[in-house]
């Protein structure tokens, strides 16, 4: 019989599939002070030949309320997703969407040209293009052939 390595992460994921534990942990959706727990949008960082591209999932966030900071090799994205109540008479039965302020910080593997950084927002995803600094792009060096 082969040995299976124990993984605490896999063990915890099994709790998420169990209806009893899922309902138990759902009671902690709101912190004791009544405020929503913090949330962090998902962020993917992709390296291309001459740039880094960050994709930040921000559904329901007004792009005008998002600030992007670049200091050295640290990229920070800050913003807030505001809760919109449909009716004062409505009773919230379950909440899986997180609201409130967020801050995501990522250390970049390369220095970038801060003056050429571009950001665009489409379909709930903020795409940030970070051109690499010249010394990290590299270049092809032609070989001179002499006779």
N, C-alpha and C. Protein backbone atom coordinates (compact mmCIF):
# COMPACT_ATOMS: atom_id res chain seq x y z
N UNK A 1 0.85 -1.17 0.00
CA UNK A 1 0.00 0.00 0.00
C UNK A 1 0.89 1.24 0.00
N UNK A 2 0.66 2.18 -0.95
CA UNK A 2 1.52 3.37 -1.01
C UNK A 2 1.22 4.32 0.14
N UNK A 3 2.25 5.03 0.55
CA UNK A 3 2.08 6.03 1.61
C UNK A 3 1.57 7.33 1.00
N UNK A 4 0.66 7.97 1.68
CA UNK A 4 0.13 9.25 1.24
C UNK A 4 0.59 10.32 2.21
N UNK A 5 1.23 11.34 1.69
CA UNK A 5 1.72 12.42 2.53
C UNK A 5 0.54 13.21 3.09
N UNK A 6 0.57 13.50 4.39
CA UNK A 6 -0.49 14.25 5.04
C UNK A 6 -0.38 15.72 4.68
N UNK A 7 -1.49 16.32 4.34
CA UNK A 7 -1.52 17.73 3.98
C UNK A 7 -2.56 18.43 4.84
N UNK A 8 -2.15 19.37 5.69
CA UNK A 8 -3.13 20.08 6.51
C UNK A 8 -4.11 20.88 5.67
N UNK A 9 -3.67 21.40 4.54
CA UNK A 9 -4.57 22.16 3.67
C UNK A 9 -5.69 21.27 3.16
N UNK A 10 -5.33 20.07 2.71
CA UNK A 10 -6.35 19.14 2.22
C UNK A 10 -7.30 18.76 3.34
N UNK A 11 -6.77 18.63 4.54
CA UNK A 11 -7.60 18.30 5.70
C UNK A 11 -8.62 19.41 5.97
N UNK A 12 -8.18 20.68 5.89
CA UNK A 12 -9.08 21.80 6.12
C UNK A 12 -10.12 21.93 5.01
N UNK A 13 -9.74 21.62 3.78
CA UNK A 13 -10.68 21.69 2.67
C UNK A 13 -11.81 20.69 2.84
N UNK A 14 -11.55 19.58 3.51
CA UNK A 14 -12.60 18.61 3.74
C UNK A 14 -13.69 19.18 4.65
N UNK A 15 -13.31 20.09 5.55
CA UNK A 15 -14.31 20.74 6.40
C UNK A 15 -15.26 21.59 5.57
N UNK A 16 -14.75 22.25 4.53
CA UNK A 16 -15.57 23.13 3.71
C UNK A 16 -16.66 22.36 2.97
N UNK A 17 -16.43 21.06 2.72
CA UNK A 17 -17.44 20.25 2.01
C UNK A 17 -18.51 19.72 2.95
N UNK A 18 -18.24 19.70 4.23
CA UNK A 18 -19.19 19.17 5.20
C UNK A 18 -20.25 20.23 5.54
N UNK A 19 -21.55 19.94 5.33
CA UNK A 19 -22.60 20.95 5.58
C UNK A 19 -22.62 21.45 7.02
N UNK A 20 -22.33 20.59 7.99
CA UNK A 20 -22.33 21.02 9.39
C UNK A 20 -21.29 22.10 9.62
N UNK A 21 -20.05 21.84 9.20
CA UNK A 21 -18.98 22.81 9.43
C UNK A 21 -19.17 24.06 8.59
N UNK A 22 -19.71 23.90 7.37
CA UNK A 22 -19.94 25.06 6.53
C UNK A 22 -20.93 26.01 7.21
N UNK A 23 -22.02 25.48 7.77
CA UNK A 23 -22.99 26.34 8.44
C UNK A 23 -22.41 26.91 9.73
N UNK A 24 -21.54 26.16 10.39
CA UNK A 24 -20.91 26.64 11.62
C UNK A 24 -20.02 27.84 11.33
N UNK A 25 -19.18 27.75 10.29
CA UNK A 25 -18.27 28.85 9.98
C UNK A 25 -18.98 30.03 9.34
N UNK A 26 -20.15 29.83 8.74
CA UNK A 26 -20.91 30.94 8.17
C UNK A 26 -21.35 31.93 9.24
N UNK A 27 -21.44 31.49 10.49
CA UNK A 27 -21.87 32.41 11.54
C UNK A 27 -20.81 33.46 11.84
N UNK A 28 -19.58 33.28 11.33
CA UNK A 28 -18.50 34.22 11.59
C UNK A 28 -18.28 35.18 10.43
N UNK A 29 -19.29 35.34 9.56
CA UNK A 29 -19.15 36.25 8.42
C UNK A 29 -19.00 37.70 8.86
N UNK A 30 -19.52 38.05 10.00
CA UNK A 30 -19.43 39.42 10.50
C UNK A 30 -18.62 39.40 11.78
N UNK A 31 -17.68 40.32 11.88
CA UNK A 31 -16.85 40.38 13.08
C UNK A 31 -17.68 40.77 14.29
N UNK A 32 -17.12 40.58 15.48
CA UNK A 32 -17.85 40.85 16.71
C UNK A 32 -18.29 42.31 16.83
N UNK A 33 -17.52 43.23 16.24
CA UNK A 33 -17.89 44.64 16.34
C UNK A 33 -18.96 45.04 15.34
N UNK A 34 -19.48 44.08 14.57
CA UNK A 34 -20.54 44.35 13.61
C UNK A 34 -20.04 44.76 12.24
N UNK A 35 -18.75 44.96 12.11
CA UNK A 35 -18.20 45.35 10.82
C UNK A 35 -17.86 44.10 10.01
N UNK A 36 -17.90 44.25 8.71
CA UNK A 36 -17.53 43.12 7.84
C UNK A 36 -16.07 42.79 8.01
N UNK A 37 -15.75 41.53 7.82
CA UNK A 37 -14.35 41.12 7.89
C UNK A 37 -13.63 41.65 6.65
N UNK A 38 -12.32 41.83 6.73
CA UNK A 38 -11.60 42.37 5.58
C UNK A 38 -11.63 41.41 4.40
N UNK A 39 -11.50 41.95 3.22
CA UNK A 39 -11.45 41.12 2.03
C UNK A 39 -10.29 41.57 1.16
N UNK A 40 -9.83 40.66 0.33
CA UNK A 40 -8.68 40.91 -0.51
C UNK A 40 -8.99 40.43 -1.92
N UNK A 41 -9.02 41.32 -2.90
CA UNK A 41 -9.29 40.86 -4.26
C UNK A 41 -8.16 39.97 -4.75
N UNK A 42 -8.50 39.03 -5.60
CA UNK A 42 -7.50 38.13 -6.17
C UNK A 42 -6.61 38.90 -7.14
N UNK A 43 -5.33 38.54 -7.14
CA UNK A 43 -4.36 39.24 -7.98
C UNK A 43 -3.47 38.21 -8.67
N UNK A 44 -3.35 38.32 -9.98
CA UNK A 44 -2.44 37.48 -10.75
C UNK A 44 -1.35 38.38 -11.30
N UNK A 45 -0.10 37.93 -11.22
CA UNK A 45 1.03 38.68 -11.77
C UNK A 45 1.68 37.82 -12.83
N UNK A 46 1.73 38.33 -14.06
CA UNK A 46 2.25 37.59 -15.20
C UNK A 46 3.47 38.31 -15.74
N UNK A 47 4.50 37.53 -16.09
CA UNK A 47 5.70 38.12 -16.69
C UNK A 47 5.69 37.88 -18.19
N UNK A 48 5.81 38.97 -18.93
CA UNK A 48 6.00 38.88 -20.37
C UNK A 48 7.43 39.33 -20.67
N UNK A 49 7.81 39.28 -21.93
CA UNK A 49 9.20 39.58 -22.28
C UNK A 49 9.66 40.94 -21.77
N UNK A 50 8.86 41.98 -22.02
CA UNK A 50 9.29 43.33 -21.69
C UNK A 50 8.46 44.01 -20.61
N UNK A 51 7.54 43.27 -19.98
CA UNK A 51 6.69 43.90 -18.96
C UNK A 51 6.12 42.86 -18.00
N UNK A 52 5.64 43.35 -16.88
CA UNK A 52 4.86 42.56 -15.94
C UNK A 52 3.42 43.03 -16.08
N UNK A 53 2.48 42.12 -15.94
CA UNK A 53 1.06 42.48 -16.04
C UNK A 53 0.35 41.93 -14.81
N UNK A 54 -0.31 42.82 -14.09
CA UNK A 54 -1.08 42.43 -12.91
C UNK A 54 -2.56 42.49 -13.27
N UNK A 55 -3.29 41.42 -12.96
CA UNK A 55 -4.74 41.37 -13.15
C UNK A 55 -5.36 41.29 -11.75
N UNK A 56 -6.17 42.28 -11.41
CA UNK A 56 -6.80 42.34 -10.09
C UNK A 56 -8.31 42.24 -10.28
N UNK A 57 -8.92 41.24 -9.65
CA UNK A 57 -10.37 41.04 -9.76
C UNK A 57 -11.08 42.01 -8.83
N UNK A 58 -11.85 42.94 -9.42
CA UNK A 58 -12.54 43.96 -8.62
C UNK A 58 -14.01 44.10 -9.02
N UNK A 59 -14.78 43.01 -9.05
CA UNK A 59 -16.19 43.15 -9.40
C UNK A 59 -16.94 43.96 -8.36
N UNK A 60 -17.78 44.86 -8.84
CA UNK A 60 -18.57 45.67 -7.93
C UNK A 60 -17.82 46.85 -7.33
N UNK A 61 -16.60 47.08 -7.76
CA UNK A 61 -15.80 48.20 -7.26
C UNK A 61 -15.79 49.30 -8.31
N UNK A 62 -16.09 50.53 -7.90
CA UNK A 62 -16.03 51.67 -8.79
C UNK A 62 -14.56 51.93 -9.12
N UNK A 63 -14.16 51.86 -10.40
CA UNK A 63 -12.75 52.05 -10.73
C UNK A 63 -12.22 53.42 -10.34
N UNK A 64 -13.09 54.39 -10.19
CA UNK A 64 -12.65 55.73 -9.76
C UNK A 64 -12.25 55.72 -8.29
N UNK A 65 -12.67 54.71 -7.55
CA UNK A 65 -12.34 54.62 -6.12
C UNK A 65 -11.11 53.75 -5.86
N UNK A 66 -10.38 53.40 -6.92
CA UNK A 66 -9.19 52.55 -6.78
C UNK A 66 -7.94 53.40 -6.95
N UNK A 67 -7.00 53.25 -6.03
CA UNK A 67 -5.73 53.95 -6.12
C UNK A 67 -4.63 52.91 -6.33
N UNK A 68 -3.71 53.23 -7.23
CA UNK A 68 -2.58 52.35 -7.51
C UNK A 68 -1.31 53.12 -7.17
N UNK A 69 -0.47 52.52 -6.34
CA UNK A 69 0.78 53.14 -5.93
C UNK A 69 1.94 52.23 -6.31
N UNK A 70 3.02 52.83 -6.78
CA UNK A 70 4.23 52.08 -7.08
C UNK A 70 5.39 52.79 -6.41
N UNK A 71 6.03 52.09 -5.51
CA UNK A 71 7.19 52.66 -4.82
C UNK A 71 8.31 51.63 -4.87
N UNK A 72 9.33 51.94 -5.64
CA UNK A 72 10.42 50.98 -5.83
C UNK A 72 9.88 49.74 -6.53
N UNK A 73 10.03 48.59 -5.90
CA UNK A 73 9.54 47.34 -6.48
C UNK A 73 8.27 46.84 -5.79
N UNK A 74 7.53 47.75 -5.16
CA UNK A 74 6.31 47.38 -4.44
C UNK A 74 5.10 48.03 -5.10
N UNK A 75 4.16 47.19 -5.54
CA UNK A 75 2.91 47.65 -6.14
C UNK A 75 1.81 47.51 -5.11
N UNK A 76 1.05 48.59 -4.90
CA UNK A 76 -0.06 48.57 -3.95
C UNK A 76 -1.33 49.01 -4.66
N UNK A 77 -2.40 48.25 -4.48
CA UNK A 77 -3.71 48.57 -5.02
C UNK A 77 -4.66 48.71 -3.84
N UNK A 78 -5.31 49.87 -3.74
CA UNK A 78 -6.23 50.14 -2.63
C UNK A 78 -7.58 50.58 -3.19
N UNK A 79 -8.62 50.30 -2.45
CA UNK A 79 -9.94 50.73 -2.87
C UNK A 79 -10.99 50.31 -1.87
N UNK A 80 -12.24 50.40 -2.30
CA UNK A 80 -13.34 50.04 -1.43
C UNK A 80 -14.52 49.55 -2.26
N UNK A 81 -15.15 48.48 -1.80
CA UNK A 81 -16.40 48.02 -2.40
C UNK A 81 -17.49 48.37 -1.41
N UNK A 82 -18.41 49.21 -1.86
CA UNK A 82 -19.48 49.68 -0.99
C UNK A 82 -20.71 48.79 -1.14
N UNK A 83 -21.34 48.56 -0.03
CA UNK A 83 -22.56 47.74 -0.02
C UNK A 83 -23.74 48.58 -0.47
N UNK A 84 -24.54 48.01 -1.34
CA UNK A 84 -25.75 48.69 -1.80
C UNK A 84 -26.95 47.91 -1.30
N UNK A 85 -27.71 48.49 -0.43
CA UNK A 85 -28.93 47.84 0.09
C UNK A 85 -30.08 48.11 -0.85
N UNK A 86 -30.81 47.06 -1.18
CA UNK A 86 -31.94 47.22 -2.09
C UNK A 86 -33.16 47.78 -1.37
N UNK A 87 -33.38 47.35 -0.14
CA UNK A 87 -34.56 47.79 0.58
C UNK A 87 -34.28 47.76 2.08
N UNK A 88 -34.82 48.71 2.79
CA UNK A 88 -34.66 48.74 4.25
C UNK A 88 -35.47 47.62 4.90
N UNK A 89 -36.54 47.16 4.22
CA UNK A 89 -37.41 46.12 4.78
C UNK A 89 -36.86 44.72 4.54
N UNK A 90 -35.89 44.59 3.66
CA UNK A 90 -35.35 43.27 3.33
C UNK A 90 -34.48 42.75 4.46
N UNK A 91 -34.58 41.44 4.69
CA UNK A 91 -33.79 40.79 5.74
C UNK A 91 -32.70 39.96 5.08
N UNK A 92 -31.47 40.21 5.44
CA UNK A 92 -30.34 39.48 4.89
C UNK A 92 -30.30 38.09 5.51
N UNK A 93 -30.37 37.05 4.69
CA UNK A 93 -30.36 35.68 5.17
C UNK A 93 -28.97 35.06 5.12
N UNK A 94 -28.20 35.42 4.12
CA UNK A 94 -26.85 34.86 3.97
C UNK A 94 -26.00 35.86 3.22
N UNK A 95 -24.76 36.02 3.64
CA UNK A 95 -23.85 36.92 2.96
C UNK A 95 -22.55 36.20 2.65
N UNK A 96 -22.21 36.15 1.37
CA UNK A 96 -20.93 35.60 0.95
C UNK A 96 -20.06 36.66 0.30
N UNK A 97 -20.66 37.79 -0.07
CA UNK A 97 -19.92 38.88 -0.67
C UNK A 97 -19.34 39.75 0.43
N UNK A 98 -18.06 40.08 0.30
CA UNK A 98 -17.41 40.94 1.29
C UNK A 98 -17.42 42.38 0.79
N UNK A 99 -17.57 43.31 1.72
CA UNK A 99 -17.58 44.73 1.41
C UNK A 99 -16.57 45.43 2.30
N UNK A 100 -16.24 46.63 1.91
CA UNK A 100 -15.34 47.44 2.71
C UNK A 100 -14.06 47.75 1.97
N UNK A 101 -13.13 48.33 2.69
CA UNK A 101 -11.85 48.73 2.12
C UNK A 101 -10.93 47.53 1.96
N UNK A 102 -10.03 47.63 1.01
CA UNK A 102 -9.04 46.58 0.80
C UNK A 102 -7.71 47.22 0.41
N UNK A 103 -6.65 46.48 0.66
CA UNK A 103 -5.31 46.86 0.23
C UNK A 103 -4.59 45.59 -0.20
N UNK A 104 -4.06 45.58 -1.41
CA UNK A 104 -3.25 44.46 -1.89
C UNK A 104 -1.87 45.01 -2.21
N UNK A 105 -0.86 44.36 -1.69
CA UNK A 105 0.52 44.77 -1.94
C UNK A 105 1.28 43.56 -2.46
N UNK A 106 2.05 43.78 -3.51
CA UNK A 106 2.86 42.71 -4.08
C UNK A 106 4.25 43.25 -4.39
N UNK A 107 5.26 42.46 -4.04
CA UNK A 107 6.64 42.81 -4.36
C UNK A 107 6.94 42.32 -5.77
N UNK A 108 7.36 43.21 -6.63
CA UNK A 108 7.65 42.87 -8.01
C UNK A 108 9.05 42.26 -8.12
N UNK A 109 9.22 41.28 -8.99
CA UNK A 109 10.53 40.64 -9.12
C UNK A 109 11.55 41.50 -9.87
N UNK A 110 11.09 42.56 -10.53
CA UNK A 110 11.97 43.45 -11.29
C UNK A 110 11.60 44.90 -11.01
N UNK A 111 12.56 45.79 -11.25
CA UNK A 111 12.22 47.21 -11.23
C UNK A 111 11.47 47.53 -12.51
N UNK A 112 10.56 48.48 -12.43
CA UNK A 112 9.77 48.85 -13.60
C UNK A 112 9.90 50.34 -13.87
N UNK A 113 9.49 50.74 -15.06
CA UNK A 113 9.51 52.14 -15.45
C UNK A 113 8.23 52.79 -14.94
N UNK A 114 8.31 53.44 -13.80
CA UNK A 114 7.13 53.98 -13.13
C UNK A 114 6.37 54.98 -14.00
N UNK A 115 7.06 55.74 -14.80
CA UNK A 115 6.40 56.76 -15.62
C UNK A 115 5.64 56.17 -16.81
N UNK A 116 5.79 54.87 -17.08
CA UNK A 116 5.12 54.24 -18.21
C UNK A 116 4.08 53.20 -17.78
N UNK A 117 3.76 53.14 -16.49
CA UNK A 117 2.76 52.20 -16.00
C UNK A 117 1.38 52.63 -16.47
N UNK A 118 0.59 51.66 -16.95
CA UNK A 118 -0.77 51.94 -17.43
C UNK A 118 -1.74 51.00 -16.72
N UNK A 119 -2.94 51.51 -16.43
CA UNK A 119 -3.97 50.69 -15.81
C UNK A 119 -5.28 50.89 -16.56
N UNK A 120 -6.00 49.78 -16.75
CA UNK A 120 -7.33 49.89 -17.36
C UNK A 120 -8.27 48.91 -16.66
N UNK A 121 -9.55 49.26 -16.71
CA UNK A 121 -10.57 48.49 -16.00
C UNK A 121 -11.61 48.04 -17.01
N UNK A 122 -11.85 46.73 -17.04
CA UNK A 122 -12.86 46.21 -17.96
C UNK A 122 -13.49 44.97 -17.35
N UNK A 123 -14.80 44.92 -17.34
CA UNK A 123 -15.56 43.75 -16.89
C UNK A 123 -15.15 43.29 -15.49
N UNK A 124 -14.90 44.24 -14.59
CA UNK A 124 -14.59 43.90 -13.21
C UNK A 124 -13.15 43.51 -12.95
N UNK A 125 -12.28 43.65 -13.96
CA UNK A 125 -10.88 43.30 -13.78
C UNK A 125 -10.01 44.52 -14.10
N UNK A 126 -9.14 44.88 -13.14
CA UNK A 126 -8.18 45.96 -13.34
C UNK A 126 -6.90 45.32 -13.87
N UNK A 127 -6.45 45.78 -15.04
CA UNK A 127 -5.22 45.28 -15.64
C UNK A 127 -4.18 46.38 -15.55
N UNK A 128 -3.05 46.07 -14.92
CA UNK A 128 -1.99 47.05 -14.72
C UNK A 128 -0.76 46.56 -15.48
N UNK A 129 -0.31 47.34 -16.47
CA UNK A 129 0.87 47.00 -17.25
C UNK A 129 2.06 47.74 -16.68
N UNK A 130 3.11 47.00 -16.34
CA UNK A 130 4.30 47.55 -15.70
C UNK A 130 5.53 47.24 -16.56
N UNK A 131 5.93 48.17 -17.44
CA UNK A 131 7.09 47.91 -18.30
C UNK A 131 8.36 47.73 -17.46
N UNK A 132 9.11 46.69 -17.78
CA UNK A 132 10.36 46.43 -17.05
C UNK A 132 11.36 47.55 -17.31
N UNK A 133 12.20 47.82 -16.33
CA UNK A 133 13.29 48.76 -16.51
C UNK A 133 14.24 48.19 -17.57
N UNK A 134 14.91 49.06 -18.28
CA UNK A 134 15.75 48.64 -19.41
C UNK A 134 16.72 47.53 -19.06
N UNK A 135 17.35 47.58 -17.88
CA UNK A 135 18.36 46.58 -17.56
C UNK A 135 17.79 45.18 -17.36
N UNK A 136 16.45 45.07 -17.22
CA UNK A 136 15.84 43.76 -17.01
C UNK A 136 15.17 43.21 -18.25
N UNK A 137 15.03 44.02 -19.29
CA UNK A 137 14.39 43.57 -20.51
C UNK A 137 15.33 42.67 -21.28
N UNK A 138 16.59 43.04 -21.32
CA UNK A 138 17.57 42.28 -22.09
C UNK A 138 17.47 42.67 -23.55
N UNK A 139 18.47 42.31 -24.30
CA UNK A 139 18.43 42.61 -25.73
C UNK A 139 19.25 41.58 -26.48
N UNK A 140 18.91 41.42 -27.73
CA UNK A 140 19.63 40.51 -28.60
C UNK A 140 20.88 41.21 -29.08
N UNK A 141 22.02 40.56 -28.97
CA UNK A 141 23.27 41.15 -29.42
C UNK A 141 23.66 40.48 -30.72
N UNK A 142 23.77 41.27 -31.79
CA UNK A 142 24.13 40.66 -33.08
C UNK A 142 25.59 40.22 -33.08
N UNK A 143 25.84 39.13 -33.77
CA UNK A 143 27.19 38.60 -33.88
C UNK A 143 27.78 39.09 -35.21
N UNK A 144 28.92 39.73 -35.11
CA UNK A 144 29.60 40.20 -36.31
C UNK A 144 30.49 39.09 -36.84
N UNK A 145 30.33 38.80 -38.10
CA UNK A 145 31.13 37.72 -38.72
C UNK A 145 32.21 38.37 -39.57
N UNK A 146 33.46 38.03 -39.28
CA UNK A 146 34.57 38.57 -40.04
C UNK A 146 35.24 37.46 -40.84
N UNK A 147 35.81 37.84 -41.97
CA UNK A 147 36.49 36.86 -42.83
C UNK A 147 37.97 37.05 -42.79
